[in-house]
Amino acid sequence: MDILEDESLLEEKELLTTIWTKPTLTFEFIFKYCPKKYVDYLLVIGGIVNAVDRNYQHFTENGNFSIINFIAIIGLGGLFGWIFSKIYASLLSWTGKWLKGRADGDQLTTVVAWATIPFICSSVLLIPRLLMSGNNSFSYNIQEQGISKFVAFVLIALIQLVLSCWSLVIIIKGIAVVQKFDTRKAVLNAFLPLFVIVVPIILIAVIFNLIH
């Protein structure tokens, strides 16, 4: 793997920052010097953030907070985040071979892990969401909530969208580096695993409906 000439500008302690602005260079550095760095931590934290994001309203509605449930969600979220990321990375490796890619599951697990960083950072948005929603659902009904709350909702939603898009950009850059793909093939490789999963489910559903 060729490393760019300005590799010397990077240090391991800066990788969490440079992954945002120089994802290609950062991935080249990672795969040369520290391919396992932070991988398991990022996968687990990403799973926890996803689990908390999906369940936070359960804890704010009707006083349902329970430390046992909270610990369970964190534990299961971290476990499933790690497992599903491994599965996705394996599918990336498998479908990547259709496009003449050469990366294995471990290399693509590293890519998936580092691509979770913007998503993990989006967890800070839970704080204003909780402050705004209180014990109610996070609503964007302008007539009920008022213009200021509606604007805040839109801003938070836009920030989340940007962070999600940047996670996608990072994973595409990482795939391009490790699979030695151009951008077009990297984008295709990123989405092929979804089709591998979704298409069979749709076919099974159609066949089931036809039978019944």
Protein backbone atom coordinates (compact mmCIF):
# COMPACT_ATOMS: atom_id res chain seq x y z
CA MET A 1 0.00 0.00 0.00
CA ASP A 2 1.48 3.34 -1.06
CA ILE A 3 1.63 6.01 1.61
CA LEU A 4 1.32 9.64 0.64
CA GLU A 5 4.40 11.84 0.95
CA ASP A 6 2.92 13.91 3.77
CA GLU A 7 2.53 10.82 5.95
CA SER A 8 5.11 12.35 8.27
CA LEU A 9 2.53 14.99 9.18
CA LEU A 10 0.49 12.36 10.99
CA GLU A 11 0.94 10.90 14.45
CA GLU A 12 -1.12 8.17 16.09
CA LYS A 13 -2.49 10.60 18.67
CA GLU A 14 -3.86 12.78 15.85
CA LEU A 15 -5.71 10.08 13.95
CA LEU A 16 -9.05 10.73 15.66
CA THR A 17 -8.86 14.25 14.27
CA THR A 18 -7.36 13.65 10.83
CA ILE A 19 -9.95 10.95 10.02
CA TRP A 20 -12.41 13.84 9.59
CA THR A 21 -10.34 15.96 7.24
CA LYS A 22 -7.87 13.52 5.65
CA PRO A 23 -9.60 10.12 5.66
CA THR A 24 -7.58 8.66 2.79
CA LEU A 25 -4.21 9.62 4.28
CA THR A 26 -5.37 8.55 7.72
CA PHE A 27 -6.43 5.11 6.53
CA GLU A 28 -3.15 4.64 4.69
CA PHE A 29 -1.30 5.49 7.91
CA ILE A 30 -3.52 3.21 9.99
CA PHE A 31 -3.09 0.20 7.74
CA LYS A 32 0.67 0.64 7.67
CA TYR A 33 1.33 1.31 11.35
CA CYS A 34 -1.68 0.51 13.58
CA PRO A 35 -4.45 -1.48 11.84
CA LYS A 36 -6.02 -2.63 15.14
CA LYS A 37 -5.88 0.70 16.96
CA TYR A 38 -9.17 1.57 18.71
CA VAL A 39 -11.11 -0.87 16.48
CA ASP A 40 -12.95 -2.87 19.15
CA TYR A 41 -13.51 0.23 21.28
CA LEU A 42 -15.08 2.13 18.39
CA LEU A 43 -17.33 -0.77 17.41
CA VAL A 44 -18.61 -1.20 20.96
CA ILE A 45 -19.06 2.53 21.59
CA GLY A 46 -20.85 2.92 18.25
CA GLY A 47 -23.23 0.12 19.24
CA ILE A 48 -23.89 1.72 22.62
CA VAL A 49 -24.58 5.13 21.06
CA ASN A 50 -26.98 3.57 18.58
CA ALA A 51 -28.81 1.65 21.32
CA VAL A 52 -29.13 4.69 23.59
CA ASP A 53 -30.27 6.86 20.66
CA ARG A 54 -33.01 4.38 19.80
CA ASN A 55 -34.19 3.91 23.38
CA TYR A 56 -33.69 7.25 25.13
CA GLN A 57 -37.39 8.16 24.87
CA HIS A 58 -38.25 4.97 26.74
CA PHE A 59 -36.38 6.36 29.74
CA THR A 60 -37.89 9.83 29.56
CA GLU A 61 -41.52 8.83 29.13
CA ASN A 62 -43.68 8.13 32.16
CA GLY A 63 -40.74 7.77 34.54
CA ASN A 64 -39.64 4.46 33.03
CA PHE A 65 -35.98 4.91 33.89
CA SER A 66 -34.41 1.81 35.40
CA ILE A 67 -30.71 1.41 36.02
CA ILE A 68 -31.00 -2.32 35.22
CA ASN A 69 -32.65 -1.63 31.86
CA PHE A 70 -30.12 1.09 31.13
CA ILE A 71 -27.19 -1.24 31.84
CA ALA A 72 -28.84 -3.96 29.72
CA ILE A 73 -29.26 -1.60 26.78
CA ILE A 74 -25.65 -0.45 27.05
CA GLY A 75 -24.36 -4.02 27.31
CA LEU A 76 -26.48 -5.42 24.50
CA GLY A 77 -25.93 -2.33 22.36
CA GLY A 78 -22.17 -2.68 22.63
CA LEU A 79 -22.31 -6.43 21.92
CA PHE A 80 -24.63 -6.17 18.93
CA GLY A 81 -22.75 -3.15 17.59
CA TRP A 82 -19.57 -5.23 17.56
CA ILE A 83 -21.28 -8.28 16.04
CA PHE A 84 -23.21 -6.46 13.31
CA SER A 85 -20.16 -4.41 12.33
CA LYS A 86 -18.17 -7.63 11.96
CA ILE A 87 -20.93 -9.10 9.80
CA TYR A 88 -21.09 -5.99 7.62
CA ALA A 89 -17.30 -6.02 7.22
CA SER A 90 -17.39 -9.67 6.19
CA LEU A 91 -20.09 -8.91 3.63
CA LEU A 92 -18.00 -6.00 2.34
CA SER A 93 -15.10 -8.38 1.84
CA TRP A 94 -17.31 -10.93 0.12
CA THR A 95 -19.07 -8.52 -2.24
CA GLY A 96 -15.81 -6.66 -2.80
CA LYS A 97 -14.35 -9.80 -4.35
CA TRP A 98 -17.04 -9.55 -7.04
CA LEU A 99 -15.43 -6.23 -7.95
CA LYS A 100 -11.89 -7.65 -7.79
CA GLY A 101 -11.21 -6.26 -4.34
CA ARG A 102 -8.48 -7.77 -2.16
CA ALA A 103 -9.34 -6.76 1.42
CA ASP A 104 -10.26 -9.30 4.07
CA GLY A 105 -12.84 -8.99 6.81
CA ASP A 106 -10.39 -7.74 9.44
CA GLN A 107 -9.19 -4.89 7.24
CA LEU A 108 -12.74 -3.83 6.47
CA THR A 109 -13.68 -4.11 10.14
CA THR A 110 -11.05 -1.44 10.75
CA VAL A 111 -12.67 0.74 8.09
CA VAL A 112 -16.14 0.27 9.59
CA ALA A 113 -14.85 1.04 13.09
CA TRP A 114 -13.17 4.32 12.15
CA ALA A 115 -16.19 5.36 10.08
CA THR A 116 -18.33 5.29 13.24
CA ILE A 117 -16.52 8.30 14.71
CA PRO A 118 -18.88 11.00 13.34
CA PHE A 119 -21.86 8.89 14.42
CA ILE A 120 -20.41 8.52 17.91
CA CYS A 121 -19.89 12.29 18.09
CA SER A 122 -23.56 12.79 17.26
CA SER A 123 -24.37 11.39 20.71
CA VAL A 124 -23.79 14.85 22.20
CA LEU A 125 -27.00 15.89 20.43
CA LEU A 126 -28.94 13.71 22.85
CA ILE A 127 -28.45 16.40 25.49
CA PRO A 128 -30.37 19.19 23.70
CA ARG A 129 -32.91 16.63 22.49
CA LEU A 130 -33.61 15.55 26.07
CA LEU A 131 -33.75 19.15 27.29
CA MET A 132 -36.22 20.03 24.55
CA SER A 133 -38.45 16.98 24.75
CA GLY A 134 -38.52 16.38 28.49
CA ASN A 135 -40.95 13.54 29.09
CA ASN A 136 -42.49 13.86 25.63
CA SER A 137 -41.52 12.61 22.22
CA PHE A 138 -39.10 14.81 20.32
CA SER A 139 -41.75 16.58 18.25
CA TYR A 140 -41.42 18.92 15.32
CA ASN A 141 -45.05 20.12 15.32
CA ILE A 142 -44.53 23.85 14.89
CA GLN A 143 -48.03 24.76 16.08
CA GLU A 144 -47.65 22.87 19.34
CA GLN A 145 -43.97 23.49 20.08
CA GLY A 146 -43.40 27.01 18.77
CA ILE A 147 -40.99 28.42 16.20
CA SER A 148 -37.85 28.35 18.37
CA LYS A 149 -38.23 24.67 19.20
CA PHE A 150 -38.99 23.88 15.58
CA VAL A 151 -35.84 25.69 14.41
CA ALA A 152 -33.79 23.82 17.02
CA PHE A 153 -35.27 20.54 15.84
CA VAL A 154 -34.35 21.33 12.23
CA LEU A 155 -30.79 22.31 13.19
CA ILE A 156 -30.26 19.14 15.21
CA ALA A 157 -31.70 17.01 12.40
CA LEU A 158 -29.40 18.71 9.87
CA ILE A 159 -26.33 18.19 12.07
CA GLN A 160 -27.23 14.51 12.47
CA LEU A 161 -27.66 14.21 8.71
CA VAL A 162 -24.27 15.81 8.06
CA LEU A 163 -22.56 13.52 10.56
CA SER A 164 -24.24 10.46 9.06
CA CYS A 165 -23.19 11.52 5.57
CA TRP A 166 -19.62 12.07 6.75
CA SER A 167 -19.54 8.58 8.25
CA LEU A 168 -20.55 7.31 4.81
CA VAL A 169 -17.82 9.39 3.16
CA ILE A 170 -15.22 7.97 5.56
CA ILE A 171 -16.27 4.39 4.96
CA ILE A 172 -16.16 4.90 1.18
CA LYS A 173 -12.68 6.43 1.45
CA GLY A 174 -11.56 3.52 3.62
CA ILE A 175 -12.95 0.95 1.21
CA ALA A 176 -11.19 2.69 -1.67
CA VAL A 177 -7.87 2.54 0.19
CA VAL A 178 -8.00 -1.05 1.41
CA GLN A 179 -9.71 -2.55 -1.66
CA LYS A 180 -7.67 -0.39 -4.06
CA PHE A 181 -10.87 0.81 -5.70
CA ASP A 182 -11.77 4.04 -7.39
CA THR A 183 -14.61 6.03 -5.82
CA ARG A 184 -17.29 4.48 -8.03
CA LYS A 185 -16.36 0.93 -7.06
CA ALA A 186 -15.98 1.91 -3.40
CA VAL A 187 -19.51 3.35 -3.36
CA LEU A 188 -20.86 0.21 -5.01
CA ASN A 189 -19.01 -2.01 -2.54
CA ALA A 190 -20.41 0.00 0.40
CA PHE A 191 -24.01 -0.63 -0.68
CA LEU A 192 -23.80 -4.13 -2.14
CA PRO A 193 -24.05 -5.85 1.29
CA LEU A 194 -27.38 -4.08 1.85
CA PHE A 195 -28.74 -5.52 -1.39
CA VAL A 196 -27.44 -8.96 -0.43
CA ILE A 197 -29.52 -8.76 2.76
CA VAL A 198 -32.56 -6.80 1.57
CA VAL A 199 -33.24 -8.52 -1.77
CA PRO A 200 -33.63 -12.04 -0.31
CA ILE A 201 -35.94 -10.66 2.40
CA ILE A 202 -38.10 -8.98 -0.24
CA LEU A 203 -38.19 -12.16 -2.35
CA ILE A 204 -39.18 -14.25 0.68
CA ALA A 205 -41.93 -11.76 1.54
CA VAL A 206 -43.25 -11.79 -2.05
CA ILE A 207 -43.23 -15.60 -2.20
CA PHE A 208 -44.94 -15.80 1.20
CA ASN A 209 -47.68 -13.41 0.02
CA LEU A 210 -48.18 -15.35 -3.20
CA ILE A 211 -48.54 -18.62 -1.30
CA HIS A 212 -51.12 -17.11 1.00
